[in-house]
Amino acid sequence: MRTLIAYFSREGNNYVNGAIVYLPVGNTQVVAEKIKTLTDGELFRIESVKAYSSDYTSCTKEAQADYRANARPALKADINNIAPYDAVILAYPNYWGTMPMSVWTFLDAHDFSGKTILPLCTHEGSGMGRSESDLKKLCPNARVLEGLAIQGGSVANADGSIRRWLEKNGVI
């Protein structure tokens, strides 16, 4: 199975275990790299041309404004051809109960018909939110499997749950 690991992650000040802490590498990127090690999939970072602020409070305001506007932020780069991939592991933090709007831009840009999508969400208490149902609406002809929610503060110790989730879904 040829696997794409597409992820959105944000370094900088983040809310982790009840406190604002500086993360030199975002939680979702940590998880995406763990998945690459397990699957030998291809990594692709979803990045907006205009990055969110590294300040946590400013970032949440910017993300909320994007969500309310149903924005589709321009991306720095994109995958040229999604056709060769059988499975897409889509990893993102929970922003306002769903995926960051940059992930929506990525999804809108491609035809996921016949693809298997495995959503993975990092969060600090809100789980998957409504991201799985939003994903099914955005990619109606894809097979969207049950997602994995990982609390951001525990990504360093999530290897076992990531492995079980990938095995359960036939990726490894």
N, C-alpha and C. Protein backbone atom coordinates (compact mmCIF):
# COMPACT_ATOMS: atom_id res chain seq x y z
N MET A 1 0.85 -1.18 0.00
CA MET A 1 0.00 0.00 0.00
C MET A 1 0.90 1.25 0.00
N ARG A 2 0.72 2.12 -0.97
CA ARG A 2 1.48 3.37 -1.02
C ARG A 2 0.73 4.40 -0.18
N THR A 3 1.45 4.99 0.78
CA THR A 3 0.82 5.85 1.77
C THR A 3 1.40 7.26 1.74
N LEU A 4 0.50 8.23 1.75
CA LEU A 4 0.86 9.64 1.91
C LEU A 4 0.50 10.05 3.32
N ILE A 5 1.42 10.71 3.99
CA ILE A 5 1.17 11.26 5.32
C ILE A 5 1.14 12.78 5.16
N ALA A 6 -0.04 13.33 5.01
CA ALA A 6 -0.21 14.77 4.86
C ALA A 6 -0.56 15.34 6.23
N TYR A 7 0.18 16.35 6.65
CA TYR A 7 -0.05 16.87 8.00
C TYR A 7 0.09 18.39 8.06
N PHE A 8 -0.66 18.96 8.97
CA PHE A 8 -0.55 20.37 9.32
C PHE A 8 -0.09 20.41 10.77
N SER A 9 0.93 21.20 11.04
CA SER A 9 1.44 21.29 12.40
C SER A 9 1.93 22.71 12.64
N ARG A 10 1.94 23.11 13.88
CA ARG A 10 2.39 24.46 14.21
C ARG A 10 3.32 24.42 15.42
N GLU A 11 4.52 24.92 15.21
CA GLU A 11 5.44 25.06 16.32
C GLU A 11 5.19 26.43 16.96
N GLY A 12 5.88 26.69 18.05
CA GLY A 12 5.70 27.96 18.76
C GLY A 12 4.98 27.70 20.06
N ASN A 13 4.36 28.75 20.58
CA ASN A 13 3.64 28.61 21.84
C ASN A 13 2.35 27.83 21.61
N ASN A 14 2.18 26.78 22.39
CA ASN A 14 1.01 25.91 22.29
C ASN A 14 0.47 25.63 23.69
N TYR A 15 -0.79 25.29 23.73
CA TYR A 15 -1.44 24.90 24.98
C TYR A 15 -1.18 23.41 25.17
N VAL A 16 -0.46 23.05 26.24
CA VAL A 16 -0.11 21.66 26.51
C VAL A 16 -0.32 21.39 27.99
N ASN A 17 -1.16 20.42 28.28
CA ASN A 17 -1.40 20.01 29.67
C ASN A 17 -1.72 21.18 30.60
N GLY A 18 -2.54 22.10 30.11
CA GLY A 18 -3.02 23.20 30.94
C GLY A 18 -2.11 24.42 31.00
N ALA A 19 -1.02 24.44 30.25
CA ALA A 19 -0.11 25.58 30.27
C ALA A 19 0.33 25.92 28.84
N ILE A 20 0.74 27.15 28.65
CA ILE A 20 1.30 27.57 27.37
C ILE A 20 2.79 27.27 27.41
N VAL A 21 3.25 26.46 26.47
CA VAL A 21 4.67 26.10 26.40
C VAL A 21 5.16 26.29 24.97
N TYR A 22 6.45 26.54 24.84
CA TYR A 22 7.06 26.70 23.52
C TYR A 22 7.43 25.32 22.99
N LEU A 23 6.97 25.01 21.79
CA LEU A 23 7.31 23.75 21.13
C LEU A 23 8.15 24.06 19.89
N PRO A 24 9.41 23.63 19.84
CA PRO A 24 10.21 23.86 18.65
C PRO A 24 9.71 23.05 17.45
N VAL A 25 9.03 21.94 17.71
CA VAL A 25 8.39 21.11 16.68
C VAL A 25 6.96 20.87 17.16
N GLY A 26 6.00 21.13 16.30
CA GLY A 26 4.60 20.94 16.67
C GLY A 26 4.25 19.49 16.96
N ASN A 27 3.26 19.29 17.82
CA ASN A 27 2.84 17.94 18.21
C ASN A 27 2.44 17.08 17.01
N THR A 28 1.74 17.66 16.06
CA THR A 28 1.27 16.87 14.92
C THR A 28 2.44 16.44 14.05
N GLN A 29 3.45 17.27 13.92
CA GLN A 29 4.64 16.88 13.16
C GLN A 29 5.35 15.72 13.85
N VAL A 30 5.42 15.74 15.17
CA VAL A 30 6.04 14.64 15.91
C VAL A 30 5.33 13.33 15.57
N VAL A 31 4.00 13.36 15.58
CA VAL A 31 3.22 12.15 15.27
C VAL A 31 3.41 11.74 13.81
N ALA A 32 3.41 12.70 12.89
CA ALA A 32 3.58 12.39 11.47
C ALA A 32 4.93 11.70 11.23
N GLU A 33 5.95 12.16 11.89
CA GLU A 33 7.27 11.55 11.73
C GLU A 33 7.31 10.13 12.32
N LYS A 34 6.58 9.91 13.41
CA LYS A 34 6.48 8.55 13.97
C LYS A 34 5.79 7.63 12.96
N ILE A 35 4.74 8.13 12.32
CA ILE A 35 4.01 7.33 11.33
C ILE A 35 4.90 7.02 10.13
N LYS A 36 5.70 7.99 9.71
CA LYS A 36 6.61 7.74 8.59
C LYS A 36 7.56 6.60 8.92
N THR A 37 8.08 6.59 10.13
CA THR A 37 8.99 5.53 10.55
C THR A 37 8.31 4.16 10.50
N LEU A 38 7.05 4.12 10.89
CA LEU A 38 6.32 2.85 10.92
C LEU A 38 5.85 2.38 9.55
N THR A 39 5.54 3.31 8.66
CA THR A 39 4.91 2.95 7.39
C THR A 39 5.81 3.11 6.18
N ASP A 40 6.86 3.87 6.30
CA ASP A 40 7.69 4.27 5.18
C ASP A 40 6.87 5.05 4.16
N GLY A 41 5.81 5.72 4.64
CA GLY A 41 5.01 6.57 3.77
C GLY A 41 5.75 7.84 3.42
N GLU A 42 5.18 8.58 2.51
CA GLU A 42 5.77 9.85 2.09
C GLU A 42 5.16 10.99 2.89
N LEU A 43 6.01 11.83 3.48
CA LEU A 43 5.55 12.97 4.27
C LEU A 43 5.28 14.17 3.38
N PHE A 44 4.19 14.87 3.66
CA PHE A 44 3.91 16.14 3.01
C PHE A 44 3.34 17.08 4.06
N ARG A 45 4.01 18.20 4.26
CA ARG A 45 3.54 19.18 5.24
C ARG A 45 2.63 20.19 4.56
N ILE A 46 1.44 20.32 5.09
CA ILE A 46 0.47 21.31 4.62
C ILE A 46 0.81 22.62 5.33
N GLU A 47 1.23 23.61 4.56
CA GLU A 47 1.62 24.90 5.14
C GLU A 47 0.95 26.04 4.39
N SER A 48 0.40 26.96 5.14
CA SER A 48 -0.19 28.15 4.54
C SER A 48 0.89 29.13 4.14
N VAL A 49 0.63 29.88 3.09
CA VAL A 49 1.54 30.94 2.70
C VAL A 49 1.70 31.91 3.87
N LYS A 50 0.59 32.28 4.48
CA LYS A 50 0.61 33.16 5.64
C LYS A 50 0.45 32.28 6.88
N ALA A 51 1.54 32.04 7.56
CA ALA A 51 1.51 31.17 8.74
C ALA A 51 0.76 31.83 9.89
N TYR A 52 0.17 31.01 10.72
CA TYR A 52 -0.43 31.52 11.95
C TYR A 52 0.67 32.03 12.87
N SER A 53 0.31 32.94 13.73
CA SER A 53 1.24 33.51 14.69
C SER A 53 1.85 32.43 15.58
N SER A 54 3.08 32.63 16.00
CA SER A 54 3.69 31.69 16.95
C SER A 54 3.19 31.93 18.37
N ASP A 55 2.52 33.06 18.59
CA ASP A 55 1.89 33.35 19.87
C ASP A 55 0.56 32.61 19.94
N TYR A 56 0.36 31.85 21.01
CA TYR A 56 -0.82 30.99 21.10
C TYR A 56 -2.14 31.76 21.01
N THR A 57 -2.27 32.82 21.78
CA THR A 57 -3.53 33.58 21.80
C THR A 57 -3.81 34.19 20.44
N SER A 58 -2.80 34.77 19.82
CA SER A 58 -2.98 35.33 18.48
C SER A 58 -3.36 34.25 17.47
N CYS A 59 -2.70 33.11 17.57
CA CYS A 59 -3.00 32.00 16.67
C CYS A 59 -4.46 31.57 16.79
N THR A 60 -4.95 31.44 18.01
CA THR A 60 -6.34 31.00 18.16
C THR A 60 -7.32 32.00 17.55
N LYS A 61 -7.03 33.29 17.69
CA LYS A 61 -7.89 34.32 17.09
C LYS A 61 -7.84 34.25 15.56
N GLU A 62 -6.63 34.05 15.02
CA GLU A 62 -6.48 33.95 13.56
C GLU A 62 -7.20 32.70 13.03
N ALA A 63 -7.03 31.59 13.72
CA ALA A 63 -7.68 30.34 13.30
C ALA A 63 -9.20 30.44 13.39
N GLN A 64 -9.68 31.10 14.43
CA GLN A 64 -11.13 31.28 14.57
C GLN A 64 -11.67 32.17 13.46
N ALA A 65 -10.95 33.22 13.12
CA ALA A 65 -11.38 34.10 12.03
C ALA A 65 -11.43 33.33 10.71
N ASP A 66 -10.42 32.49 10.44
CA ASP A 66 -10.43 31.66 9.23
C ASP A 66 -11.63 30.72 9.22
N TYR A 67 -11.90 30.11 10.37
CA TYR A 67 -13.02 29.18 10.47
C TYR A 67 -14.35 29.90 10.21
N ARG A 68 -14.55 31.02 10.86
CA ARG A 68 -15.80 31.78 10.70
C ARG A 68 -16.00 32.25 9.26
N ALA A 69 -14.90 32.56 8.57
CA ALA A 69 -14.97 33.02 7.19
C ALA A 69 -15.02 31.87 6.19
N ASN A 70 -14.93 30.62 6.70
CA ASN A 70 -14.84 29.44 5.83
C ASN A 70 -13.71 29.63 4.81
N ALA A 71 -12.60 30.16 5.31
CA ALA A 71 -11.46 30.52 4.47
C ALA A 71 -10.79 29.29 3.87
N ARG A 72 -10.12 29.51 2.78
CA ARG A 72 -9.27 28.50 2.17
C ARG A 72 -7.91 29.17 1.95
N PRO A 73 -7.08 29.18 3.00
CA PRO A 73 -5.78 29.85 2.89
C PRO A 73 -4.92 29.24 1.78
N ALA A 74 -4.21 30.10 1.07
CA ALA A 74 -3.29 29.62 0.04
C ALA A 74 -2.18 28.80 0.69
N LEU A 75 -1.76 27.75 0.00
CA LEU A 75 -0.72 26.87 0.51
C LEU A 75 0.62 27.18 -0.15
N LYS A 76 1.70 26.96 0.59
CA LYS A 76 3.05 27.16 0.07
C LYS A 76 3.38 26.19 -1.06
N ALA A 77 2.91 24.97 -0.93
CA ALA A 77 3.20 23.93 -1.92
C ALA A 77 2.04 22.94 -1.92
N ASP A 78 2.03 22.07 -2.90
CA ASP A 78 0.99 21.05 -2.97
C ASP A 78 1.58 19.78 -3.58
N ILE A 79 0.88 18.70 -3.39
CA ILE A 79 1.25 17.43 -4.01
C ILE A 79 0.88 17.53 -5.48
N ASN A 80 1.81 17.18 -6.36
CA ASN A 80 1.52 17.27 -7.79
C ASN A 80 0.46 16.28 -8.23
N ASN A 81 0.53 15.06 -7.67
CA ASN A 81 -0.37 14.02 -8.13
C ASN A 81 -0.70 13.09 -6.96
N ILE A 82 -1.95 13.05 -6.58
CA ILE A 82 -2.35 12.20 -5.46
C ILE A 82 -2.74 10.80 -5.92
N ALA A 83 -2.86 10.62 -7.24
CA ALA A 83 -3.32 9.34 -7.79
C ALA A 83 -2.51 8.12 -7.34
N PRO A 84 -1.18 8.19 -7.22
CA PRO A 84 -0.43 6.98 -6.86
C PRO A 84 -0.67 6.46 -5.44
N TYR A 85 -1.28 7.25 -4.59
CA TYR A 85 -1.43 6.84 -3.20
C TYR A 85 -2.72 6.06 -2.98
N ASP A 86 -2.61 4.95 -2.26
CA ASP A 86 -3.77 4.15 -1.89
C ASP A 86 -4.41 4.69 -0.62
N ALA A 87 -3.55 5.10 0.31
CA ALA A 87 -4.02 5.58 1.61
C ALA A 87 -3.42 6.95 1.89
N VAL A 88 -4.23 7.79 2.52
CA VAL A 88 -3.77 9.10 2.95
C VAL A 88 -4.02 9.20 4.45
N ILE A 89 -2.93 9.32 5.19
CA ILE A 89 -3.05 9.60 6.62
C ILE A 89 -3.04 11.10 6.73
N LEU A 90 -4.12 11.65 7.23
CA LEU A 90 -4.29 13.10 7.32
C LEU A 90 -4.21 13.49 8.80
N ALA A 91 -3.14 14.19 9.15
CA ALA A 91 -2.89 14.54 10.55
C ALA A 91 -2.97 16.04 10.74
N TYR A 92 -3.60 16.45 11.82
CA TYR A 92 -3.87 17.87 12.07
C TYR A 92 -4.21 18.08 13.53
N PRO A 93 -4.02 19.30 14.02
CA PRO A 93 -4.49 19.64 15.36
C PRO A 93 -5.98 20.01 15.29
N ASN A 94 -6.67 19.90 16.39
CA ASN A 94 -8.06 20.30 16.45
C ASN A 94 -8.11 21.82 16.62
N TYR A 95 -8.63 22.50 15.62
CA TYR A 95 -8.83 23.95 15.66
C TYR A 95 -10.32 24.21 15.59
N TRP A 96 -10.87 24.74 16.63
CA TRP A 96 -12.29 25.09 16.69
C TRP A 96 -13.20 23.92 16.35
N GLY A 97 -12.84 22.75 16.85
CA GLY A 97 -13.69 21.57 16.71
C GLY A 97 -13.53 20.81 15.41
N THR A 98 -12.58 21.22 14.58
CA THR A 98 -12.39 20.55 13.30
C THR A 98 -10.94 20.71 12.85
N MET A 99 -10.70 20.53 11.57
CA MET A 99 -9.37 20.66 11.00
C MET A 99 -9.05 22.13 10.74
N PRO A 100 -7.78 22.52 10.79
CA PRO A 100 -7.41 23.88 10.37
C PRO A 100 -7.85 24.10 8.92
N MET A 101 -8.19 25.32 8.61
CA MET A 101 -8.72 25.61 7.29
C MET A 101 -7.71 25.36 6.17
N SER A 102 -6.43 25.37 6.47
CA SER A 102 -5.42 25.02 5.46
C SER A 102 -5.58 23.56 5.02
N VAL A 103 -6.03 22.71 5.94
CA VAL A 103 -6.28 21.32 5.58
C VAL A 103 -7.48 21.25 4.63
N TRP A 104 -8.47 22.09 4.86
CA TRP A 104 -9.61 22.15 3.95
C TRP A 104 -9.14 22.55 2.54
N THR A 105 -8.21 23.52 2.47
CA THR A 105 -7.66 23.92 1.17
C THR A 105 -7.03 22.72 0.47
N PHE A 106 -6.22 21.97 1.21
CA PHE A 106 -5.56 20.78 0.66
C PHE A 106 -6.60 19.77 0.16
N LEU A 107 -7.62 19.52 0.94
CA LEU A 107 -8.64 18.54 0.55
C LEU A 107 -9.43 19.00 -0.67
N ASP A 108 -9.75 20.29 -0.73
CA ASP A 108 -10.50 20.83 -1.87
C ASP A 108 -9.71 20.72 -3.18
N ALA A 109 -8.39 20.69 -3.08
CA ALA A 109 -7.54 20.72 -4.27
C ALA A 109 -7.39 19.36 -4.95
N HIS A 110 -7.89 18.29 -4.33
CA HIS A 110 -7.65 16.95 -4.86
C HIS A 110 -8.92 16.11 -4.91
N ASP A 111 -8.88 15.13 -5.78
CA ASP A 111 -9.97 14.16 -5.87
C ASP A 111 -9.55 12.91 -5.08
N PHE A 112 -10.22 12.68 -3.98
CA PHE A 112 -9.90 11.55 -3.12
C PHE A 112 -10.78 10.34 -3.39
N SER A 113 -11.47 10.33 -4.52
CA SER A 113 -12.33 9.20 -4.88
C SER A 113 -11.53 7.90 -4.86
N GLY A 114 -12.06 6.91 -4.17
CA GLY A 114 -11.43 5.61 -4.10
C GLY A 114 -10.25 5.51 -3.14
N LYS A 115 -9.87 6.60 -2.53
CA LYS A 115 -8.76 6.60 -1.57
C LYS A 115 -9.28 6.23 -0.19
N THR A 116 -8.40 5.68 0.62
CA THR A 116 -8.69 5.45 2.03
C THR A 116 -8.02 6.57 2.80
N ILE A 117 -8.80 7.26 3.62
CA ILE A 117 -8.28 8.36 4.43
C ILE A 117 -8.36 7.96 5.90
N LEU A 118 -7.24 8.10 6.57
CA LEU A 118 -7.17 7.83 8.01
C LEU A 118 -6.89 9.15 8.72
N PRO A 119 -7.89 9.73 9.37
CA PRO A 119 -7.67 10.99 10.06
C PRO A 119 -7.02 10.80 11.43
N LEU A 120 -6.10 11.70 11.75
CA LEU A 120 -5.44 11.69 13.04
C LEU A 120 -5.42 13.12 13.56
N CYS A 121 -5.86 13.28 14.79
CA CYS A 121 -6.00 14.62 15.35
C CYS A 121 -5.23 14.72 16.67
N THR A 122 -4.42 15.77 16.81
CA THR A 122 -3.83 16.07 18.10
C THR A 122 -4.71 17.14 18.75
N HIS A 123 -4.80 17.08 20.06
CA HIS A 123 -5.73 17.97 20.77
C HIS A 123 -5.30 18.09 22.22
N GLU A 124 -5.94 18.98 22.94
CA GLU A 124 -5.70 19.11 24.38
C GLU A 124 -7.00 18.95 25.16
N GLY A 125 -7.84 18.05 24.70
CA GLY A 125 -9.06 17.75 25.44
C GLY A 125 -10.31 17.69 24.58
N SER A 126 -10.22 18.11 23.33
CA SER A 126 -11.41 18.15 22.48
C SER A 126 -11.51 16.99 21.51
N GLY A 127 -10.57 16.08 21.54
CA GLY A 127 -10.64 14.89 20.69
C GLY A 127 -10.73 15.22 19.22
N MET A 128 -11.42 14.39 18.47
CA MET A 128 -11.56 14.56 17.03
C MET A 128 -12.54 15.69 16.67
N GLY A 129 -13.33 16.13 17.66
CA GLY A 129 -14.33 17.14 17.34
C GLY A 129 -15.25 16.62 16.25
N ARG A 130 -15.60 17.47 15.32
CA ARG A 130 -16.45 17.06 14.19
C ARG A 130 -15.62 16.86 12.92
N SER A 131 -14.29 16.75 13.08
CA SER A 131 -13.42 16.67 11.91
C SER A 131 -13.71 15.45 11.04
N GLU A 132 -14.07 14.32 11.63
CA GLU A 132 -14.35 13.14 10.81
C GLU A 132 -15.59 13.36 9.94
N SER A 133 -16.63 13.95 10.50
CA SER A 133 -17.83 14.19 9.68
C SER A 133 -17.56 15.27 8.64
N ASP A 134 -16.76 16.28 8.99
CA ASP A 134 -16.38 17.29 7.99
C ASP A 134 -15.58 16.66 6.87
N LEU A 135 -14.68 15.77 7.21
CA LEU A 135 -13.86 15.08 6.22
C LEU A 135 -14.72 14.25 5.27
N LYS A 136 -15.71 13.57 5.81
CA LYS A 136 -16.62 12.77 4.97
C LYS A 136 -17.41 13.65 4.01
N LYS A 137 -17.78 14.85 4.45
CA LYS A 137 -18.49 15.78 3.56
C LYS A 137 -17.58 16.32 2.47
N LEU A 138 -16.32 16.61 2.83
CA LEU A 138 -15.37 17.15 1.86
C LEU A 138 -14.90 16.11 0.86
N CYS A 139 -14.86 14.85 1.27
CA CYS A 139 -14.36 13.76 0.42
C CYS A 139 -15.40 12.64 0.36
N PRO A 140 -16.56 12.91 -0.24
CA PRO A 140 -17.66 11.94 -0.18
C PRO A 140 -17.38 10.62 -0.88
N ASN A 141 -16.44 10.58 -1.79
CA ASN A 141 -16.16 9.35 -2.54
C ASN A 141 -14.92 8.63 -2.03
N ALA A 142 -14.45 9.06 -0.86
CA ALA A 142 -13.31 8.39 -0.22
C ALA A 142 -13.84 7.50 0.89
N ARG A 143 -13.03 6.56 1.27
CA ARG A 143 -13.34 5.69 2.42
C ARG A 143 -12.63 6.30 3.62
N VAL A 144 -13.40 6.95 4.49
CA VAL A 144 -12.83 7.61 5.67
C VAL A 144 -12.97 6.65 6.85
N LEU A 145 -11.83 6.23 7.37
CA LEU A 145 -11.82 5.29 8.49
C LEU A 145 -11.88 6.04 9.83
N GLU A 146 -12.11 5.28 10.88
CA GLU A 146 -12.17 5.87 12.21
C GLU A 146 -10.82 6.49 12.56
N GLY A 147 -10.88 7.73 13.04
CA GLY A 147 -9.66 8.47 13.34
C GLY A 147 -9.05 8.11 14.68
N LEU A 148 -7.86 8.64 14.87
CA LEU A 148 -7.13 8.49 16.12
C LEU A 148 -6.92 9.89 16.69
N ALA A 149 -7.35 10.08 17.92
CA ALA A 149 -7.13 11.35 18.62
C ALA A 149 -6.04 11.15 19.66
N ILE A 150 -5.02 12.00 19.62
CA ILE A 150 -3.91 11.91 20.55
C ILE A 150 -3.77 13.24 21.27
N GLN A 151 -3.79 13.20 22.58
CA GLN A 151 -3.60 14.43 23.34
C GLN A 151 -2.19 14.93 23.08
N GLY A 152 -2.09 16.21 22.74
CA GLY A 152 -0.80 16.79 22.37
C GLY A 152 0.28 16.58 23.40
N GLY A 153 -0.07 16.70 24.66
CA GLY A 153 0.91 16.53 25.72
C GLY A 153 1.43 15.11 25.86
N SER A 154 0.82 14.17 25.16
CA SER A 154 1.26 12.77 25.28
C SER A 154 1.80 12.20 23.97
N VAL A 155 2.10 13.04 22.99
CA VAL A 155 2.57 12.51 21.70
C VAL A 155 3.88 11.74 21.82
N ALA A 156 4.73 12.14 22.74
CA ALA A 156 6.02 11.46 22.89
C ALA A 156 5.84 10.00 23.29
N ASN A 157 4.73 9.70 23.98
CA ASN A 157 4.47 8.35 24.46
C ASN A 157 3.36 7.64 23.71
N ALA A 158 3.06 8.09 22.50
CA ALA A 158 1.91 7.56 21.76
C ALA A 158 2.26 6.45 20.77
N ASP A 159 3.49 5.98 20.78
CA ASP A 159 3.92 4.98 19.79
C ASP A 159 3.02 3.76 19.75
N GLY A 160 2.66 3.23 20.90
CA GLY A 160 1.84 2.02 20.95
C GLY A 160 0.47 2.23 20.36
N SER A 161 -0.19 3.34 20.70
CA SER A 161 -1.53 3.58 20.16
C SER A 161 -1.48 3.87 18.66
N ILE A 162 -0.43 4.54 18.21
CA ILE A 162 -0.28 4.79 16.77
C ILE A 162 -0.10 3.47 16.03
N ARG A 163 0.77 2.62 16.53
CA ARG A 163 1.02 1.32 15.90
C ARG A 163 -0.26 0.48 15.85
N ARG A 164 -1.00 0.41 16.95
CA ARG A 164 -2.24 -0.39 16.98
C ARG A 164 -3.26 0.15 15.98
N TRP A 165 -3.36 1.47 15.86
CA TRP A 165 -4.30 2.10 14.94
C TRP A 165 -3.91 1.78 13.49
N LEU A 166 -2.63 1.87 13.19
CA LEU A 166 -2.18 1.57 11.82
C LEU A 166 -2.37 0.09 11.50
N GLU A 167 -2.08 -0.78 12.45
CA GLU A 167 -2.28 -2.22 12.24
C GLU A 167 -3.76 -2.53 12.04
N LYS A 168 -4.61 -1.98 12.89
CA LYS A 168 -6.05 -2.20 12.81
C LYS A 168 -6.60 -1.82 11.44
N ASN A 169 -6.00 -0.80 10.84
CA ASN A 169 -6.48 -0.29 9.55
C ASN A 169 -5.68 -0.81 8.36
N GLY A 170 -4.82 -1.80 8.61
CA GLY A 170 -4.12 -2.48 7.52
C GLY A 170 -3.03 -1.66 6.84
N VAL A 171 -2.54 -0.63 7.52
CA VAL A 171 -1.49 0.19 6.91
C VAL A 171 -0.11 -0.43 7.16
N ILE A 172 0.02 -1.11 8.28
CA ILE A 172 1.27 -1.84 8.56
C ILE A 172 0.92 -3.26 8.98
